[in-house]
Amino acid sequence: MNYDWPGNVRELENLIERVLVTTPGNVIRHINLHDLGYAGYEAVNYEHLLGFKLQDAVEQLEKFLIQNSLETLGTTRKAAQELGVSQPTIVRKAAKYNIPLNKR
């Protein structure tokens, strides 16, 4: 309840989807934002990448981060700034991963 939700509705939608996918069973009893990476990303669970080749795992994570930043922030420039890369890199990688770019 104390989380600021800087990404507003999109960030909340992403959280709900993530909790639904990662929660065992049919009932969600508790959501720990820190465990889901909302307190600095240090607690992100990468176990779903076990068994992947390194390159495939890197691409999966890269796609997730770019897509999440674009959905949350809305522009390629803001996503690039958040991820510490250039704006053309975001555009190029979005095309590589078939991530749609919203025209705002």
PDB file of N, CA and C in Angstrom:
ATOM      1  N   MET A   1       0.815  -1.196   0.000  1.00  0.00           N
ATOM      2  CA  MET A   1       0.000   0.000   0.000  1.00  0.00           C
ATOM      3  C   MET A   1       0.858   1.259   0.000  1.00  0.00           C
ATOM      4  N   ASN A   2       2.095   1.151   0.464  1.00  0.00           N
ATOM      5  CA  ASN A   2       2.963   2.316   0.530  1.00  0.00           C
ATOM      6  C   ASN A   2       3.782   2.524  -0.736  1.00  0.00           C
ATOM      7  N   TYR A   3       3.706   1.608  -1.689  1.00  0.00           N
ATOM      8  CA  TYR A   3       4.494   1.729  -2.913  1.00  0.00           C
ATOM      9  C   TYR A   3       3.947   2.867  -3.772  1.00  0.00           C
ATOM     10  N   ASP A   4       4.834   3.671  -4.362  1.00  0.00           N
ATOM     11  CA  ASP A   4       4.457   4.865  -5.113  1.00  0.00           C
ATOM     12  C   ASP A   4       3.833   4.579  -6.479  1.00  0.00           C
ATOM     13  N   TRP A   5       4.066   3.415  -7.076  1.00  0.00           N
ATOM     14  CA  TRP A   5       3.581   3.048  -8.400  1.00  0.00           C
ATOM     15  C   TRP A   5       3.921   4.091  -9.451  1.00  0.00           C
ATOM     16  N   PRO A   6       5.220   4.300  -9.688  1.00  0.00           N
ATOM     17  CA  PRO A   6       5.624   5.311 -10.672  1.00  0.00           C
ATOM     18  C   PRO A   6       5.164   4.987 -12.092  1.00  0.00           C
ATOM     19  N   GLY A   7       4.920   3.730 -12.393  1.00  0.00           N
ATOM     20  CA  GLY A   7       4.453   3.347 -13.721  1.00  0.00           C
ATOM     21  C   GLY A   7       2.939   3.324 -13.822  1.00  0.00           C
ATOM     22  N   ASN A   8       2.263   3.667 -12.738  1.00  0.00           N
ATOM     23  CA  ASN A   8       0.806   3.756 -12.681  1.00  0.00           C
ATOM     24  C   ASN A   8       0.129   2.454 -13.085  1.00  0.00           C
ATOM     25  N   VAL A   9      -0.906   2.518 -13.905  1.00  0.00           N
ATOM     26  CA  VAL A   9      -1.732   1.361 -14.221  1.00  0.00           C
ATOM     27  C   VAL A   9      -0.939   0.265 -14.933  1.00  0.00           C
ATOM     28  N   ARG A  10      -0.074   0.628 -15.846  1.00  0.00           N
ATOM     29  CA  ARG A  10       0.695  -0.394 -16.580  1.00  0.00           C
ATOM     30  C   ARG A  10       1.589  -1.190 -15.643  1.00  0.00           C
ATOM     31  N   GLU A  11       2.219  -0.510 -14.717  1.00  0.00           N
ATOM     32  CA  GLU A  11       3.083  -1.214 -13.768  1.00  0.00           C
ATOM     33  C   GLU A  11       2.256  -2.137 -12.888  1.00  0.00           C
ATOM     34  N   LEU A  12       1.107  -1.685 -12.448  1.00  0.00           N
ATOM     35  CA  LEU A  12       0.232  -2.518 -11.631  1.00  0.00           C
ATOM     36  C   LEU A  12      -0.260  -3.721 -12.420  1.00  0.00           C
ATOM     37  N   GLU A  13      -0.629  -3.521 -13.689  1.00  0.00           N
ATOM     38  CA  GLU A  13      -1.047  -4.633 -14.541  1.00  0.00           C
ATOM     39  C   GLU A  13       0.075  -5.664 -14.685  1.00  0.00           C
ATOM     40  N   ASN A  14       1.306  -5.182 -14.890  1.00  0.00           N
ATOM     41  CA  ASN A  14       2.447  -6.088 -15.015  1.00  0.00           C
ATOM     42  C   ASN A  14       2.653  -6.880 -13.732  1.00  0.00           C
ATOM     43  N   LEU A  15       2.500  -6.217 -12.584  1.00  0.00           N
ATOM     44  CA  LEU A  15       2.657  -6.906 -11.303  1.00  0.00           C
ATOM     45  C   LEU A  15       1.601  -7.991 -11.144  1.00  0.00           C
ATOM     46  N   ILE A  16       0.359  -7.664 -11.440  1.00  0.00           N
ATOM     47  CA  ILE A  16      -0.723  -8.644 -11.295  1.00  0.00           C
ATOM     48  C   ILE A  16      -0.476  -9.849 -12.196  1.00  0.00           C
ATOM     49  N   GLU A  17      -0.085  -9.584 -13.433  1.00  0.00           N
ATOM     50  CA  GLU A  17       0.212 -10.684 -14.360  1.00  0.00           C
ATOM     51  C   GLU A  17       1.354 -11.543 -13.826  1.00  0.00           C
ATOM     52  N   ARG A  18       2.391 -10.904 -13.334  1.00  0.00           N
ATOM     53  CA  ARG A  18       3.555 -11.626 -12.816  1.00  0.00           C
ATOM     54  C   ARG A  18       3.181 -12.475 -11.608  1.00  0.00           C
ATOM     55  N   VAL A  19       2.368 -11.930 -10.712  1.00  0.00           N
ATOM     56  CA  VAL A  19       1.943 -12.672  -9.531  1.00  0.00           C
ATOM     57  C   VAL A  19       1.076 -13.859  -9.926  1.00  0.00           C
ATOM     58  N   LEU A  20       0.166 -13.665 -10.876  1.00  0.00           N
ATOM     59  CA  LEU A  20      -0.680 -14.766 -11.329  1.00  0.00           C
ATOM     60  C   LEU A  20       0.144 -15.900 -11.924  1.00  0.00           C
ATOM     61  N   VAL A  21       1.171 -15.554 -12.682  1.00  0.00           N
ATOM     62  CA  VAL A  21       1.994 -16.559 -13.341  1.00  0.00           C
ATOM     63  C   VAL A  21       2.912 -17.274 -12.356  1.00  0.00           C
ATOM     64  N   THR A  22       3.400 -16.573 -11.358  1.00  0.00           N
ATOM     65  CA  THR A  22       4.418 -17.148 -10.476  1.00  0.00           C
ATOM     66  C   THR A  22       3.880 -17.727  -9.177  1.00  0.00           C
ATOM     67  N   THR A  23       2.614 -17.483  -8.854  1.00  0.00           N
ATOM     68  CA  THR A  23       2.060 -17.983  -7.595  1.00  0.00           C
ATOM     69  C   THR A  23       1.574 -19.414  -7.768  1.00  0.00           C
ATOM     70  N   PRO A  24       2.086 -20.319  -6.914  1.00  0.00           N
ATOM     71  CA  PRO A  24       1.577 -21.687  -6.971  1.00  0.00           C
ATOM     72  C   PRO A  24       0.160 -21.749  -6.385  1.00  0.00           C
ATOM     73  N   GLY A  25      -0.647 -22.628  -6.901  1.00  0.00           N
ATOM     74  CA  GLY A  25      -2.003 -22.778  -6.379  1.00  0.00           C
ATOM     75  C   GLY A  25      -2.971 -21.783  -6.980  1.00  0.00           C
ATOM     76  N   ASN A  26      -4.175 -21.758  -6.419  1.00  0.00           N
ATOM     77  CA  ASN A  26      -5.245 -20.933  -6.962  1.00  0.00           C
ATOM     78  C   ASN A  26      -5.525 -19.669  -6.165  1.00  0.00           C
ATOM     79  N   VAL A  27      -4.882 -19.519  -5.005  1.00  0.00           N
ATOM     80  CA  VAL A  27      -5.164 -18.385  -4.142  1.00  0.00           C
ATOM     81  C   VAL A  27      -3.883 -17.604  -3.879  1.00  0.00           C
ATOM     82  N   ILE A  28      -3.941 -16.297  -4.095  1.00  0.00           N
ATOM     83  CA  ILE A  28      -2.815 -15.413  -3.778  1.00  0.00           C
ATOM     84  C   ILE A  28      -3.063 -14.887  -2.373  1.00  0.00           C
ATOM     85  N   ARG A  29      -2.190 -15.282  -1.448  1.00  0.00           N
ATOM     86  CA  ARG A  29      -2.382 -14.902  -0.055  1.00  0.00           C
ATOM     87  C   ARG A  29      -1.550 -13.698   0.354  1.00  0.00           C
ATOM     88  N   HIS A  30      -0.425 -13.497  -0.304  1.00  0.00           N
ATOM     89  CA  HIS A  30       0.482 -12.418   0.088  1.00  0.00           C
ATOM     90  C   HIS A  30       1.324 -12.022  -1.115  1.00  0.00           C
ATOM     91  N   ILE A  31       1.530 -10.731  -1.299  1.00  0.00           N
ATOM     92  CA  ILE A  31       2.399 -10.235  -2.359  1.00  0.00           C
ATOM     93  C   ILE A  31       3.508  -9.436  -1.701  1.00  0.00           C
ATOM     94  N   ASN A  32       4.730  -9.897  -1.855  1.00  0.00           N
ATOM     95  CA  ASN A  32       5.881  -9.190  -1.310  1.00  0.00           C
ATOM     96  C   ASN A  32       6.566  -8.458  -2.459  1.00  0.00           C
ATOM     97  N   LEU A  33       6.371  -7.152  -2.532  1.00  0.00           N
ATOM     98  CA  LEU A  33       6.931  -6.369  -3.636  1.00  0.00           C
ATOM     99  C   LEU A  33       8.445  -6.474  -3.679  1.00  0.00           C
ATOM    100  N   HIS A  34       9.072  -6.548  -2.525  1.00  0.00           N
ATOM    101  CA  HIS A  34      10.533  -6.660  -2.496  1.00  0.00           C
ATOM    102  C   HIS A  34      10.964  -7.946  -3.208  1.00  0.00           C
ATOM    103  N   ASP A  35      10.281  -9.049  -2.929  1.00  0.00           N
ATOM    104  CA  ASP A  35      10.611 -10.329  -3.571  1.00  0.00           C
ATOM    105  C   ASP A  35      10.355 -10.298  -5.074  1.00  0.00           C
ATOM    106  N   LEU A  36       9.469  -9.434  -5.521  1.00  0.00           N
ATOM    107  CA  LEU A  36       9.164  -9.326  -6.948  1.00  0.00           C
ATOM    108  C   LEU A  36      10.029  -8.304  -7.655  1.00  0.00           C
ATOM    109  N   GLY A  37      10.977  -7.710  -6.929  1.00  0.00           N
ATOM    110  CA  GLY A  37      11.911  -6.798  -7.560  1.00  0.00           C
ATOM    111  C   GLY A  37      11.475  -5.348  -7.545  1.00  0.00           C
ATOM    112  N   TYR A  38      10.465  -4.997  -6.796  1.00  0.00           N
ATOM    113  CA  TYR A  38       9.995  -3.623  -6.776  1.00  0.00           C
ATOM    114  C   TYR A  38      10.718  -2.765  -5.745  1.00  0.00           C
ATOM    115  N   ALA A  39      11.766  -3.287  -5.142  1.00  0.00           N
ATOM    116  CA  ALA A  39      12.529  -2.493  -4.171  1.00  0.00           C
ATOM    117  C   ALA A  39      13.981  -2.396  -4.611  1.00  0.00           C
ATOM    118  N   GLY A  40      14.234  -2.423  -5.899  1.00  0.00           N
ATOM    119  CA  GLY A  40      15.592  -2.270  -6.405  1.00  0.00           C
ATOM    120  C   GLY A  40      16.048  -3.398  -7.307  1.00  0.00           C
ATOM    121  N   TYR A  41      15.206  -4.355  -7.624  1.00  0.00           N
ATOM    122  CA  TYR A  41      15.493  -5.460  -8.532  1.00  0.00           C
ATOM    123  C   TYR A  41      16.505  -6.464  -8.015  1.00  0.00           C
ATOM    124  N   GLU A  42      17.014  -6.310  -6.787  1.00  0.00           N
ATOM    125  CA  GLU A  42      18.005  -7.272  -6.310  1.00  0.00           C
ATOM    126  C   GLU A  42      17.410  -8.633  -5.990  1.00  0.00           C
ATOM    127  N   ALA A  43      16.088  -8.731  -5.852  1.00  0.00           N
ATOM    128  CA  ALA A  43      15.472  -9.983  -5.456  1.00  0.00           C
ATOM    129  C   ALA A  43      14.756 -10.684  -6.614  1.00  0.00           C
ATOM    130  N   VAL A  44      15.055 -10.340  -7.837  1.00  0.00           N
ATOM    131  CA  VAL A  44      14.400 -10.945  -8.990  1.00  0.00           C
ATOM    132  C   VAL A  44      14.789 -12.421  -9.081  1.00  0.00           C
ATOM    133  N   ASN A  45      13.817 -13.272  -9.352  1.00  0.00           N
ATOM    134  CA  ASN A  45      14.034 -14.706  -9.441  1.00  0.00           C
ATOM    135  C   ASN A  45      14.306 -15.086 -10.899  1.00  0.00           C
ATOM    136  N   TYR A  46      15.473 -15.627 -11.148  1.00  0.00           N
ATOM    137  CA  TYR A  46      15.859 -15.998 -12.506  1.00  0.00           C
ATOM    138  C   TYR A  46      15.758 -17.502 -12.748  1.00  0.00           C
ATOM    139  N   GLU A  47      15.146 -18.238 -11.830  1.00  0.00           N
ATOM    140  CA  GLU A  47      15.097 -19.692 -11.960  1.00  0.00           C
ATOM    141  C   GLU A  47      14.397 -20.154 -13.225  1.00  0.00           C
ATOM    142  N   HIS A  48      13.466 -19.360 -13.759  1.00  0.00           N
ATOM    143  CA  HIS A  48      12.770 -19.755 -14.985  1.00  0.00           C
ATOM    144  C   HIS A  48      13.725 -19.800 -16.176  1.00  0.00           C
ATOM    145  N   LEU A  49      14.932 -19.243 -16.029  1.00  0.00           N
ATOM    146  CA  LEU A  49      15.914 -19.259 -17.113  1.00  0.00           C
ATOM    147  C   LEU A  49      16.866 -20.456 -17.028  1.00  0.00           C
ATOM    148  N   LEU A  50      16.746 -21.246 -15.968  1.00  0.00           N
ATOM    149  CA  LEU A  50      17.591 -22.436 -15.855  1.00  0.00           C
ATOM    150  C   LEU A  50      17.301 -23.380 -17.017  1.00  0.00           C
ATOM    151  N   GLY A  51      18.341 -23.948 -17.577  1.00  0.00           N
ATOM    152  CA  GLY A  51      18.184 -24.849 -18.712  1.00  0.00           C
ATOM    153  C   GLY A  51      18.311 -24.163 -20.060  1.00  0.00           C
ATOM    154  N   PHE A  52      18.291 -22.838 -20.068  1.00  0.00           N
ATOM    155  CA  PHE A  52      18.482 -22.086 -21.300  1.00  0.00           C
ATOM    156  C   PHE A  52      19.975 -22.005 -21.618  1.00  0.00           C
ATOM    157  N   LYS A  53      20.297 -21.908 -22.868  1.00  0.00           N
ATOM    158  CA  LYS A  53      21.647 -21.534 -23.266  1.00  0.00           C
ATOM    159  C   LYS A  53      21.859 -20.089 -22.828  1.00  0.00           C
ATOM    160  N   LEU A  54      23.091 -19.710 -22.548  1.00  0.00           N
ATOM    161  CA  LEU A  54      23.365 -18.372 -22.035  1.00  0.00           C
ATOM    162  C   LEU A  54      22.808 -17.292 -22.953  1.00  0.00           C
ATOM    163  N   GLN A  55      23.056 -17.394 -24.244  1.00  0.00           N
ATOM    164  CA  GLN A  55      22.582 -16.379 -25.184  1.00  0.00           C
ATOM    165  C   GLN A  55      21.065 -16.270 -25.163  1.00  0.00           C
ATOM    166  N   ASP A  56      20.370 -17.412 -25.103  1.00  0.00           N
ATOM    167  CA  ASP A  56      18.911 -17.394 -25.067  1.00  0.00           C
ATOM    168  C   ASP A  56      18.405 -16.754 -23.774  1.00  0.00           C
ATOM    169  N   ALA A  57      19.056 -17.049 -22.650  1.00  0.00           N
ATOM    170  CA  ALA A  57      18.661 -16.464 -21.368  1.00  0.00           C
ATOM    171  C   ALA A  57      18.878 -14.953 -21.368  1.00  0.00           C
ATOM    172  N   VAL A  58      20.003 -14.521 -21.921  1.00  0.00           N
ATOM    173  CA  VAL A  58      20.294 -13.090 -22.006  1.00  0.00           C
ATOM    174  C   VAL A  58      19.240 -12.396 -22.859  1.00  0.00           C
ATOM    175  N   GLU A  59      18.875 -13.002 -23.973  1.00  0.00           N
ATOM    176  CA  GLU A  59      17.865 -12.412 -24.857  1.00  0.00           C
ATOM    177  C   GLU A  59      16.497 -12.353 -24.185  1.00  0.00           C
ATOM    178  N   GLN A  60      16.137 -13.395 -23.443  1.00  0.00           N
ATOM    179  CA  GLN A  60      14.860 -13.386 -22.730  1.00  0.00           C
ATOM    180  C   GLN A  60      14.811 -12.255 -21.707  1.00  0.00           C
ATOM    181  N   LEU A  61      15.889 -12.099 -20.952  1.00  0.00           N
ATOM    182  CA  LEU A  61      15.938 -11.039 -19.946  1.00  0.00           C
ATOM    183  C   LEU A  61      15.950  -9.664 -20.604  1.00  0.00           C
ATOM    184  N   GLU A  62      16.730  -9.521 -21.670  1.00  0.00           N
ATOM    185  CA  GLU A  62      16.808  -8.252 -22.391  1.00  0.00           C
ATOM    186  C   GLU A  62      15.427  -7.868 -22.941  1.00  0.00           C
ATOM    187  N   LYS A  63      14.748  -8.815 -23.541  1.00  0.00           N
ATOM    188  CA  LYS A  63      13.411  -8.553 -24.084  1.00  0.00           C
ATOM    189  C   LYS A  63      12.464  -8.126 -22.979  1.00  0.00           C
ATOM    190  N   PHE A  64      12.492  -8.838 -21.863  1.00  0.00           N
ATOM    191  CA  PHE A  64      11.621  -8.498 -20.735  1.00  0.00           C
ATOM    192  C   PHE A  64      11.883  -7.084 -20.236  1.00  0.00           C
ATOM    193  N   LEU A  65      13.152  -6.745 -20.037  1.00  0.00           N
ATOM    194  CA  LEU A  65      13.492  -5.421 -19.513  1.00  0.00           C
ATOM    195  C   LEU A  65      13.082  -4.305 -20.468  1.00  0.00           C
ATOM    196  N   ILE A  66      13.326  -4.500 -21.745  1.00  0.00           N
ATOM    197  CA  ILE A  66      12.964  -3.477 -22.733  1.00  0.00           C
ATOM    198  C   ILE A  66      11.453  -3.333 -22.816  1.00  0.00           C
ATOM    199  N   GLN A  67      10.747  -4.450 -22.902  1.00  0.00           N
ATOM    200  CA  GLN A  67       9.290  -4.401 -23.003  1.00  0.00           C
ATOM    201  C   GLN A  67       8.684  -3.758 -21.752  1.00  0.00           C
ATOM    202  N   ASN A  68       9.170  -4.136 -20.592  1.00  0.00           N
ATOM    203  CA  ASN A  68       8.652  -3.570 -19.350  1.00  0.00           C
ATOM    204  C   ASN A  68       8.912  -2.060 -19.278  1.00  0.00           C
ATOM    205  N   SER A  69      10.110  -1.633 -19.646  1.00  0.00           N
ATOM    206  CA  SER A  69      10.427  -0.205 -19.616  1.00  0.00           C
ATOM    207  C   SER A  69       9.563   0.580 -20.593  1.00  0.00           C
ATOM    208  N   LEU A  70       9.364   0.038 -21.782  1.00  0.00           N
ATOM    209  CA  LEU A  70       8.523   0.724 -22.765  1.00  0.00           C
ATOM    210  C   LEU A  70       7.074   0.804 -22.298  1.00  0.00           C
ATOM    211  N   GLU A  71       6.567  -0.281 -21.726  1.00  0.00           N
ATOM    212  CA  GLU A  71       5.183  -0.271 -21.245  1.00  0.00           C
ATOM    213  C   GLU A  71       5.021   0.688 -20.068  1.00  0.00           C
ATOM    214  N   THR A  72       6.001   0.706 -19.188  1.00  0.00           N
ATOM    215  CA  THR A  72       5.913   1.529 -17.985  1.00  0.00           C
ATOM    216  C   THR A  72       6.160   3.000 -18.275  1.00  0.00           C
ATOM    217  N   LEU A  73       7.161   3.290 -19.091  1.00  0.00           N
ATOM    218  CA  LEU A  73       7.577   4.675 -19.312  1.00  0.00           C
ATOM    219  C   LEU A  73       6.978   5.298 -20.566  1.00  0.00           C
ATOM    220  N   GLY A  74       6.633   4.476 -21.555  1.00  0.00           N
ATOM    221  CA  GLY A  74       5.912   4.971 -22.715  1.00  0.00           C
ATOM    222  C   GLY A  74       6.726   5.450 -23.896  1.00  0.00           C
ATOM    223  N   THR A  75       7.994   5.819 -23.706  1.00  0.00           N
ATOM    224  CA  THR A  75       8.786   6.303 -24.841  1.00  0.00           C
ATOM    225  C   THR A  75      10.124   5.583 -24.903  1.00  0.00           C
ATOM    226  N   THR A  76      10.672   5.522 -26.118  1.00  0.00           N
ATOM    227  CA  THR A  76      11.972   4.874 -26.292  1.00  0.00           C
ATOM    228  C   THR A  76      13.077   5.675 -25.604  1.00  0.00           C
ATOM    229  N   ARG A  77      12.944   6.976 -25.582  1.00  0.00           N
ATOM    230  CA  ARG A  77      13.965   7.807 -24.922  1.00  0.00           C
ATOM    231  C   ARG A  77      14.002   7.577 -23.416  1.00  0.00           C
ATOM    232  N   LYS A  78      12.829   7.523 -22.792  1.00  0.00           N
ATOM    233  CA  LYS A  78      12.776   7.273 -21.349  1.00  0.00           C
ATOM    234  C   LYS A  78      13.246   5.864 -21.015  1.00  0.00           C
ATOM    235  N   ALA A  79      12.856   4.894 -21.847  1.00  0.00           N
ATOM    236  CA  ALA A  79      13.295   3.512 -21.631  1.00  0.00           C
ATOM    237  C   ALA A  79      14.812   3.411 -21.761  1.00  0.00           C
ATOM    238  N   ALA A  80      15.360   4.076 -22.768  1.00  0.00           N
ATOM    239  CA  ALA A  80      16.817   4.060 -22.966  1.00  0.00           C
ATOM    240  C   ALA A  80      17.527   4.662 -21.766  1.00  0.00           C
ATOM    241  N   GLN A  81      17.009   5.767 -21.274  1.00  0.00           N
ATOM    242  CA  GLN A  81      17.630   6.414 -20.119  1.00  0.00           C
ATOM    243  C   GLN A  81      17.574   5.488 -18.907  1.00  0.00           C
ATOM    244  N   GLU A  82      16.432   4.858 -18.664  1.00  0.00           N
ATOM    245  CA  GLU A  82      16.292   3.960 -17.525  1.00  0.00           C
ATOM    246  C   GLU A  82      17.243   2.764 -17.632  1.00  0.00           C
ATOM    247  N   LEU A  83      17.401   2.230 -18.845  1.00  0.00           N
ATOM    248  CA  LEU A  83      18.214   1.035 -19.041  1.00  0.00           C
ATOM    249  C   LEU A  83      19.688   1.346 -19.300  1.00  0.00           C
ATOM    250  N   GLY A  84      20.025   2.619 -19.454  1.00  0.00           N
ATOM    251  CA  GLY A  84      21.424   2.999 -19.632  1.00  0.00           C
ATOM    252  C   GLY A  84      21.987   2.683 -21.000  1.00  0.00           C
ATOM    253  N   VAL A  85      21.133   2.775 -22.020  1.00  0.00           N
ATOM    254  CA  VAL A  85      21.573   2.553 -23.402  1.00  0.00           C
ATOM    255  C   VAL A  85      21.071   3.714 -24.244  1.00  0.00           C
ATOM    256  N   SER A  86      21.454   3.725 -25.515  1.00  0.00           N
ATOM    257  CA  SER A  86      21.003   4.792 -26.398  1.00  0.00           C
ATOM    258  C   SER A  86      19.580   4.515 -26.894  1.00  0.00           C
ATOM    259  N   GLN A  87      18.908   5.566 -27.321  1.00  0.00           N
ATOM    260  CA  GLN A  87      17.562   5.432 -27.864  1.00  0.00           C
ATOM    261  C   GLN A  87      17.550   4.578 -29.130  1.00  0.00           C
ATOM    262  N   PRO A  88      18.534   4.733 -30.048  1.00  0.00           N
ATOM    263  CA  PRO A  88      18.545   3.848 -31.221  1.00  0.00           C
ATOM    264  C   PRO A  88      18.716   2.363 -30.848  1.00  0.00           C
ATOM    265  N   THR A  89      19.414   2.086 -29.753  1.00  0.00           N
ATOM    266  CA  THR A  89      19.559   0.704 -29.297  1.00  0.00           C
ATOM    267  C   THR A  89      18.210   0.138 -28.897  1.00  0.00           C
ATOM    268  N   ILE A  90      17.405   0.922 -28.199  1.00  0.00           N
ATOM    269  CA  ILE A  90      16.068   0.466 -27.808  1.00  0.00           C
ATOM    270  C   ILE A  90      15.225   0.193 -29.053  1.00  0.00           C
ATOM    271  N   VAL A  91      15.262   1.085 -30.019  1.00  0.00           N
ATOM    272  CA  VAL A  91      14.485   0.912 -31.251  1.00  0.00           C
ATOM    273  C   VAL A  91      14.941  -0.349 -31.989  1.00  0.00           C
ATOM    274  N   ARG A  92      16.239  -0.529 -32.116  1.00  0.00           N
ATOM    275  CA  ARG A  92      16.790  -1.697 -32.821  1.00  0.00           C
ATOM    276  C   ARG A  92      16.420  -3.009 -32.112  1.00  0.00           C
ATOM    277  N   LYS A  93      16.572  -3.028 -30.795  1.00  0.00           N
ATOM    278  CA  LYS A  93      16.278  -4.254 -30.049  1.00  0.00           C
ATOM    279  C   LYS A  93      14.779  -4.516 -29.979  1.00  0.00           C
ATOM    280  N   ALA A  94      13.962  -3.474 -29.929  1.00  0.00           N
ATOM    281  CA  ALA A  94      12.508  -3.656 -29.968  1.00  0.00           C
ATOM    282  C   ALA A  94      12.110  -4.320 -31.285  1.00  0.00           C
ATOM    283  N   ALA A  95      12.723  -3.891 -32.366  1.00  0.00           N
ATOM    284  CA  ALA A  95      12.453  -4.516 -33.667  1.00  0.00           C
ATOM    285  C   ALA A  95      12.906  -5.974 -33.668  1.00  0.00           C
ATOM    286  N   LYS A  96      14.071  -6.234 -33.103  1.00  0.00           N
ATOM    287  CA  LYS A  96      14.609  -7.602 -33.035  1.00  0.00           C
ATOM    288  C   LYS A  96      13.651  -8.535 -32.307  1.00  0.00           C
ATOM    289  N   TYR A  97      13.050  -8.055 -31.204  1.00  0.00           N
ATOM    290  CA  TYR A  97      12.181  -8.877 -30.375  1.00  0.00           C
ATOM    291  C   TYR A  97      10.686  -8.689 -30.691  1.00  0.00           C
ATOM    292  N   ASN A  98      10.392  -7.973 -31.779  1.00  0.00           N
ATOM    293  CA  ASN A  98       9.002  -7.723 -32.193  1.00  0.00           C
ATOM    294  C   ASN A  98       8.185  -7.049 -31.085  1.00  0.00           C
ATOM    295  N   ILE A  99       8.804  -6.101 -30.409  1.00  0.00           N
ATOM    296  CA  ILE A  99       8.123  -5.331 -29.380  1.00  0.00           C
ATOM    297  C   ILE A  99       7.553  -4.088 -30.049  1.00  0.00           C
ATOM    298  N   PRO A 100       6.232  -3.904 -29.998  1.00  0.00           N
ATOM    299  CA  PRO A 100       5.653  -2.725 -30.649  1.00  0.00           C
ATOM    300  C   PRO A 100       6.043  -1.438 -29.934  1.00  0.00           C
ATOM    301  N   LEU A 101       6.293  -0.414 -30.706  1.00  0.00           N
ATOM    302  CA  LEU A 101       6.612   0.897 -30.159  1.00  0.00           C
ATOM    303  C   LEU A 101       5.368   1.761 -30.247  1.00  0.00           C
ATOM    304  N   ASN A 102       4.915   2.236 -29.091  1.00  0.00           N
ATOM    305  CA  ASN A 102       3.746   3.119 -29.076  1.00  0.00           C
ATOM    306  C   ASN A 102       4.139   4.469 -29.634  1.00  0.00           C
ATOM    307  N   LYS A 103       3.315   5.021 -30.450  1.00  0.00           N
ATOM    308  CA  LYS A 103       3.554   6.355 -31.006  1.00  0.00           C
ATOM    309  C   LYS A 103       2.860   7.359 -30.115  1.00  0.00           C
ATOM    310  N   ARG A 104       3.648   8.081 -29.283  1.00  0.00           N
ATOM    311  CA  ARG A 104       3.073   9.093 -28.390  1.00  0.00           C
ATOM    312  C   ARG A 104       3.484  10.448 -28.812  1.00  0.00           C
TER     313      ARG A 104
END
